Amino acid sequence: MKRKQPYFRVRLKTEAVWELLNRLNLSQNELARRIGRSSGYLSQLINGERCPSAETRRRLMEALGVTDFDVLFILEKIEEEKTDE
């Protein structure tokens, strides 16, 4: 019997990141340095090509001075088929 098992993935809110970078007068490269990630990886996060890990989310929130998860991130519900055996 197959049933759908919901799970979530986290995406970065692109507009929020750019707004905060402008407000803080930071470049994308400087933000990447502050969170200990490559600028290429940060670019992939901003463009929605990758999902940030919990540690990367924590670092982004700290570097951008954000305390509310929902300001920077979107939870997307994904349905995955799971087989019960």
Foldseek 3Di string as FASTA:
>chain_A
DKDKDKDKFKAWDLVLVVVLCVVVVHDLCRLCVQLVHHSVVSVCRNVVNDTDDPSSLVSNCVSSVHDDSVSTMDIDMDIDMDDDD
